[in-house]
Amino acid sequence: MTEAERRRAFAEAFIAQARSDWTVHRLLAGRADVHVCHGLHYLQMACEKLAKAYRLRDTQSSVDELVSTHNGFEKFVGSFFLTLKDEYRGKDAQLRELTSRARTLAREIEKLAPAIDRVTFPENAEYPWERDAHVIAPCRHAFPSLELLRKAGGGTFLKLIKRALDDFERVSLS
């Protein structure tokens, strides 16, 4: 398999898995009988894989590096929002505000991956962590840094993630 074929195969596999993770996130998010960490875990995984799919297809970044790291979603959000410039023509302030809010949310979502930085950001949606001599299970944590997801701007952000998933075959970052 050539490097280009390998890159394309990984991109297609990552977008398929991102869409599957998104479906599970939507099934779990907001359900009273499911802890918030489970919906966030699938959201984090969907976003990570979404970013990898686009970056594998649209950049020259190393395939091996992209498939093995857990960061890149925040960078992807900035790049994806550039594709929206025509839609927001004449609404520059609105696009700047949306992009700023989206980058904040993307950073918080990215930090949900336990492999990002467990020392600085131990709170993750998957594994228990220790803080101030207490061990905390994700199912007992409210994830206040992601409260924005439950507000109006969060809904817009989630719609744009869905759009990036749906438009993968039509939108390019390059």
C-alpha atoms as a PDB file:
ATOM      1  CA  MET A   1       0.000   0.000   0.000  1.00  0.00           C
ATOM      2  CA  THR A   2       1.384   3.405  -0.922  1.00  0.00           C
ATOM      3  CA  GLU A   3       1.584   6.194   1.650  1.00  0.00           C
ATOM      4  CA  ALA A   4      -1.252   8.044  -0.112  1.00  0.00           C
ATOM      5  CA  GLU A   5      -3.447   4.921  -0.055  1.00  0.00           C
ATOM      6  CA  ARG A   6      -2.614   4.352   3.612  1.00  0.00           C
ATOM      7  CA  ARG A   7      -3.446   7.994   4.439  1.00  0.00           C
ATOM      8  CA  ARG A   8      -6.776   7.729   2.584  1.00  0.00           C
ATOM      9  CA  ALA A   9      -7.646   4.382   4.222  1.00  0.00           C
ATOM     10  CA  PHE A  10      -6.971   5.773   7.694  1.00  0.00           C
ATOM     11  CA  ALA A  11      -8.969   8.937   6.947  1.00  0.00           C
ATOM     12  CA  GLU A  12     -11.952   6.875   5.813  1.00  0.00           C
ATOM     13  CA  ALA A  13     -11.688   4.578   8.843  1.00  0.00           C
ATOM     14  CA  PHE A  14     -11.438   7.511  11.255  1.00  0.00           C
ATOM     15  CA  ILE A  15     -14.472   9.308   9.787  1.00  0.00           C
ATOM     16  CA  ALA A  16     -16.511   6.093   9.943  1.00  0.00           C
ATOM     17  CA  GLN A  17     -15.572   5.572  13.596  1.00  0.00           C
ATOM     18  CA  ALA A  18     -16.133   9.256  14.412  1.00  0.00           C
ATOM     19  CA  ARG A  19     -19.660   9.003  13.017  1.00  0.00           C
ATOM     20  CA  SER A  20     -20.300   5.868  15.056  1.00  0.00           C
ATOM     21  CA  ASP A  21     -18.974   7.499  18.250  1.00  0.00           C
ATOM     22  CA  TRP A  22     -21.142  10.570  17.534  1.00  0.00           C
ATOM     23  CA  THR A  23     -24.220   8.354  17.279  1.00  0.00           C
ATOM     24  CA  VAL A  24     -23.490   6.838  20.680  1.00  0.00           C
ATOM     25  CA  HIS A  25     -22.817  10.307  22.131  1.00  0.00           C
ATOM     26  CA  ARG A  26     -26.232  11.491  20.913  1.00  0.00           C
ATOM     27  CA  LEU A  27     -27.905   8.390  22.396  1.00  0.00           C
ATOM     28  CA  LEU A  28     -26.310   8.992  25.802  1.00  0.00           C
ATOM     29  CA  ALA A  29     -26.135  12.785  26.104  1.00  0.00           C
ATOM     30  CA  GLY A  30     -28.708  14.320  28.360  1.00  0.00           C
ATOM     31  CA  ARG A  31     -30.290  11.076  29.517  1.00  0.00           C
ATOM     32  CA  ALA A  32     -31.207  11.207  33.186  1.00  0.00           C
ATOM     33  CA  ASP A  33     -30.312   7.539  33.678  1.00  0.00           C
ATOM     34  CA  VAL A  34     -26.771   7.902  32.240  1.00  0.00           C
ATOM     35  CA  HIS A  35     -23.887   9.688  33.947  1.00  0.00           C
ATOM     36  CA  VAL A  36     -22.677  12.747  32.024  1.00  0.00           C
ATOM     37  CA  CYS A  37     -19.174  11.267  31.694  1.00  0.00           C
ATOM     38  CA  HIS A  38     -20.392   8.617  29.252  1.00  0.00           C
ATOM     39  CA  GLY A  39     -21.841  11.086  26.767  1.00  0.00           C
ATOM     40  CA  LEU A  40     -18.727  13.236  27.114  1.00  0.00           C
ATOM     41  CA  HIS A  41     -16.461  10.231  26.579  1.00  0.00           C
ATOM     42  CA  TYR A  42     -18.111   9.475  23.241  1.00  0.00           C
ATOM     43  CA  LEU A  43     -18.136  13.159  22.310  1.00  0.00           C
ATOM     44  CA  GLN A  44     -14.399  13.381  22.986  1.00  0.00           C
ATOM     45  CA  MET A  45     -13.714  10.262  20.945  1.00  0.00           C
ATOM     46  CA  ALA A  46     -15.904  11.441  18.050  1.00  0.00           C
ATOM     47  CA  CYS A  47     -14.190  14.833  17.994  1.00  0.00           C
ATOM     48  CA  GLU A  48     -10.692  13.366  18.181  1.00  0.00           C
ATOM     49  CA  LYS A  49     -11.380  10.970  15.306  1.00  0.00           C
ATOM     50  CA  LEU A  50     -13.128  13.657  13.270  1.00  0.00           C
ATOM     51  CA  ALA A  51     -10.055  15.868  13.501  1.00  0.00           C
ATOM     52  CA  LYS A  52      -7.781  12.959  12.594  1.00  0.00           C
ATOM     53  CA  ALA A  53      -9.887  12.101   9.528  1.00  0.00           C
ATOM     54  CA  TYR A  54      -9.717  15.635   8.130  1.00  0.00           C
ATOM     55  CA  ARG A  55      -6.044  16.097   8.996  1.00  0.00           C
ATOM     56  CA  LEU A  56      -5.090  12.733   7.488  1.00  0.00           C
ATOM     57  CA  ARG A  57      -6.848  13.613   4.274  1.00  0.00           C
ATOM     58  CA  ASP A  58      -6.069  17.335   4.034  1.00  0.00           C
ATOM     59  CA  THR A  59      -2.588  17.829   5.499  1.00  0.00           C
ATOM     60  CA  GLN A  60       0.838  16.346   5.041  1.00  0.00           C
ATOM     61  CA  SER A  61       1.259  15.600   8.756  1.00  0.00           C
ATOM     62  CA  SER A  62       2.803  12.233   9.516  1.00  0.00           C
ATOM     63  CA  VAL A  63       0.251   9.429   9.367  1.00  0.00           C
ATOM     64  CA  ASP A  64       1.903   7.585  12.246  1.00  0.00           C
ATOM     65  CA  GLU A  65       1.936  10.723  14.380  1.00  0.00           C
ATOM     66  CA  LEU A  66      -1.709  11.559  13.647  1.00  0.00           C
ATOM     67  CA  VAL A  67      -3.035   8.084  14.415  1.00  0.00           C
ATOM     68  CA  SER A  68      -1.133   7.845  17.704  1.00  0.00           C
ATOM     69  CA  THR A  69      -1.821  11.229  19.309  1.00  0.00           C
ATOM     70  CA  HIS A  70      -4.937  12.386  21.144  1.00  0.00           C
ATOM     71  CA  ASN A  71      -4.709  16.106  20.458  1.00  0.00           C
ATOM     72  CA  GLY A  72      -5.479  18.102  17.345  1.00  0.00           C
ATOM     73  CA  PHE A  73      -9.193  18.744  17.747  1.00  0.00           C
ATOM     74  CA  GLU A  74      -8.742  22.368  18.821  1.00  0.00           C
ATOM     75  CA  LYS A  75      -6.496  22.981  15.805  1.00  0.00           C
ATOM     76  CA  PHE A  76      -9.047  21.279  13.554  1.00  0.00           C
ATOM     77  CA  VAL A  77     -11.866  23.519  14.828  1.00  0.00           C
ATOM     78  CA  GLY A  78      -9.938  26.636  13.821  1.00  0.00           C
ATOM     79  CA  SER A  79      -9.293  25.196  10.359  1.00  0.00           C
ATOM     80  CA  PHE A  80     -12.858  23.966   9.877  1.00  0.00           C
ATOM     81  CA  PHE A  81     -14.328  27.329  10.840  1.00  0.00           C
ATOM     82  CA  LEU A  82     -12.272  28.951   8.080  1.00  0.00           C
ATOM     83  CA  THR A  83     -14.394  26.943   5.629  1.00  0.00           C
ATOM     84  CA  LEU A  84     -17.455  28.842   6.935  1.00  0.00           C
ATOM     85  CA  LYS A  85     -16.177  32.322   5.992  1.00  0.00           C
ATOM     86  CA  ASP A  86     -18.454  32.656   2.950  1.00  0.00           C
ATOM     87  CA  GLU A  87     -21.541  31.824   5.008  1.00  0.00           C
ATOM     88  CA  TYR A  88     -20.625  34.486   7.557  1.00  0.00           C
ATOM     89  CA  ARG A  89     -19.698  37.179   5.033  1.00  0.00           C
ATOM     90  CA  GLY A  90     -20.665  40.502   6.579  1.00  0.00           C
ATOM     91  CA  LYS A  91     -21.048  38.831   9.992  1.00  0.00           C
ATOM     92  CA  ASP A  92     -17.373  38.911  10.990  1.00  0.00           C
ATOM     93  CA  ALA A  93     -18.042  39.641  14.659  1.00  0.00           C
ATOM     94  CA  GLN A  94     -20.484  36.728  14.878  1.00  0.00           C
ATOM     95  CA  LEU A  95     -17.963  34.358  13.268  1.00  0.00           C
ATOM     96  CA  ARG A  96     -15.173  35.562  15.600  1.00  0.00           C
ATOM     97  CA  GLU A  97     -17.381  34.989  18.650  1.00  0.00           C
ATOM     98  CA  LEU A  98     -18.465  31.571  17.399  1.00  0.00           C
ATOM     99  CA  THR A  99     -14.862  30.583  16.643  1.00  0.00           C
ATOM    100  CA  SER A 100     -13.647  31.771  20.041  1.00  0.00           C
ATOM    101  CA  ARG A 101     -16.371  29.854  21.885  1.00  0.00           C
ATOM    102  CA  ALA A 102     -15.762  26.789  19.723  1.00  0.00           C
ATOM    103  CA  ARG A 103     -12.019  26.808  20.435  1.00  0.00           C
ATOM    104  CA  THR A 104     -12.723  27.036  24.166  1.00  0.00           C
ATOM    105  CA  LEU A 105     -15.091  24.083  23.970  1.00  0.00           C
ATOM    106  CA  ALA A 106     -12.700  22.158  21.718  1.00  0.00           C
ATOM    107  CA  ARG A 107      -9.885  22.635  24.229  1.00  0.00           C
ATOM    108  CA  GLU A 108     -12.087  21.371  27.073  1.00  0.00           C
ATOM    109  CA  ILE A 109     -13.303  18.402  25.030  1.00  0.00           C
ATOM    110  CA  GLU A 110      -9.755  17.539  24.022  1.00  0.00           C
ATOM    111  CA  LYS A 111      -8.686  17.541  27.682  1.00  0.00           C
ATOM    112  CA  LEU A 112     -11.247  14.813  28.404  1.00  0.00           C
ATOM    113  CA  ALA A 113      -8.830  12.294  26.870  1.00  0.00           C
ATOM    114  CA  PRO A 114      -6.807  10.817  29.738  1.00  0.00           C
ATOM    115  CA  ALA A 115      -3.672  10.695  27.590  1.00  0.00           C
ATOM    116  CA  ILE A 116      -3.524  14.478  27.047  1.00  0.00           C
ATOM    117  CA  ASP A 117      -1.997  15.633  30.358  1.00  0.00           C
ATOM    118  CA  ARG A 118      -3.071  13.685  33.432  1.00  0.00           C
ATOM    119  CA  VAL A 119      -0.873  15.797  35.719  1.00  0.00           C
ATOM    120  CA  THR A 120      -2.215  19.219  34.752  1.00  0.00           C
ATOM    121  CA  PHE A 121      -5.700  18.081  33.676  1.00  0.00           C
ATOM    122  CA  PRO A 122      -6.542  14.887  35.550  1.00  0.00           C
ATOM    123  CA  GLU A 123     -10.300  15.241  34.975  1.00  0.00           C
ATOM    124  CA  ASN A 124     -11.230  12.902  32.173  1.00  0.00           C
ATOM    125  CA  ALA A 125     -14.353  11.066  31.108  1.00  0.00           C
ATOM    126  CA  GLU A 126     -12.860   7.596  31.317  1.00  0.00           C
ATOM    127  CA  TYR A 127     -10.634   6.883  34.340  1.00  0.00           C
ATOM    128  CA  PRO A 128     -10.669   7.893  38.029  1.00  0.00           C
ATOM    129  CA  TRP A 129      -8.168  10.556  39.058  1.00  0.00           C
ATOM    130  CA  GLU A 130      -6.742  11.992  42.251  1.00  0.00           C
ATOM    131  CA  ARG A 131      -7.137  15.602  43.366  1.00  0.00           C
ATOM    132  CA  ASP A 132      -6.396  17.039  46.823  1.00  0.00           C
ATOM    133  CA  ALA A 133      -6.029  13.584  48.401  1.00  0.00           C
ATOM    134  CA  HIS A 134      -9.390  12.454  46.995  1.00  0.00           C
ATOM    135  CA  VAL A 135      -9.929   9.879  44.282  1.00  0.00           C
ATOM    136  CA  ILE A 136     -12.719  10.908  41.932  1.00  0.00           C
ATOM    137  CA  ALA A 137     -14.657   8.669  39.572  1.00  0.00           C
ATOM    138  CA  PRO A 138     -15.779  10.327  36.318  1.00  0.00           C
ATOM    139  CA  CYS A 139     -19.362   9.198  36.999  1.00  0.00           C
ATOM    140  CA  ARG A 140     -19.320  11.347  40.156  1.00  0.00           C
ATOM    141  CA  HIS A 141     -17.967  14.481  38.490  1.00  0.00           C
ATOM    142  CA  ALA A 142     -20.118  17.212  36.935  1.00  0.00           C
ATOM    143  CA  PHE A 143     -17.497  18.475  34.426  1.00  0.00           C
ATOM    144  CA  PRO A 144     -18.276  22.158  35.040  1.00  0.00           C
ATOM    145  CA  SER A 145     -15.804  23.291  32.369  1.00  0.00           C
ATOM    146  CA  LEU A 146     -18.209  21.860  29.787  1.00  0.00           C
ATOM    147  CA  GLU A 147     -21.345  23.627  31.024  1.00  0.00           C
ATOM    148  CA  LEU A 148     -21.122  25.706  27.836  1.00  0.00           C
ATOM    149  CA  LEU A 149     -22.287  22.655  25.897  1.00  0.00           C
ATOM    150  CA  ARG A 150     -25.674  22.933  27.594  1.00  0.00           C
ATOM    151  CA  LYS A 151     -26.128  26.591  26.637  1.00  0.00           C
ATOM    152  CA  ALA A 152     -27.144  28.172  23.310  1.00  0.00           C
ATOM    153  CA  GLY A 153     -23.574  28.484  22.039  1.00  0.00           C
ATOM    154  CA  GLY A 154     -22.953  24.862  22.896  1.00  0.00           C
ATOM    155  CA  GLY A 155     -25.863  23.767  20.762  1.00  0.00           C
ATOM    156  CA  THR A 156     -24.454  25.711  17.821  1.00  0.00           C
ATOM    157  CA  PHE A 157     -21.049  24.134  18.404  1.00  0.00           C
ATOM    158  CA  LEU A 158     -22.535  20.627  18.429  1.00  0.00           C
ATOM    159  CA  LYS A 159     -24.442  21.369  15.208  1.00  0.00           C
ATOM    160  CA  LEU A 160     -21.180  22.391  13.566  1.00  0.00           C
ATOM    161  CA  ILE A 161     -19.494  19.170  14.730  1.00  0.00           C
ATOM    162  CA  LYS A 162     -22.387  17.246  13.195  1.00  0.00           C
ATOM    163  CA  ARG A 163     -21.983  19.268  10.046  1.00  0.00           C
ATOM    164  CA  ALA A 164     -18.246  18.486   9.883  1.00  0.00           C
ATOM    165  CA  LEU A 165     -19.120  14.800  10.211  1.00  0.00           C
ATOM    166  CA  ASP A 166     -21.794  14.998   7.509  1.00  0.00           C
ATOM    167  CA  ASP A 167     -19.769  17.159   5.115  1.00  0.00           C
ATOM    168  CA  PHE A 168     -16.490  15.223   5.234  1.00  0.00           C
ATOM    169  CA  GLU A 169     -16.806  14.075   1.628  1.00  0.00           C
ATOM    170  CA  ARG A 170     -17.598  17.639   0.406  1.00  0.00           C
ATOM    171  CA  VAL A 171     -15.437  19.951   2.566  1.00  0.00           C
ATOM    172  CA  SER A 172     -11.668  20.181   2.544  1.00  0.00           C
ATOM    173  CA  LEU A 173      -9.398  22.061   4.931  1.00  0.00           C
ATOM    174  CA  SER A 174      -6.820  22.676   2.210  1.00  0.00           C
END
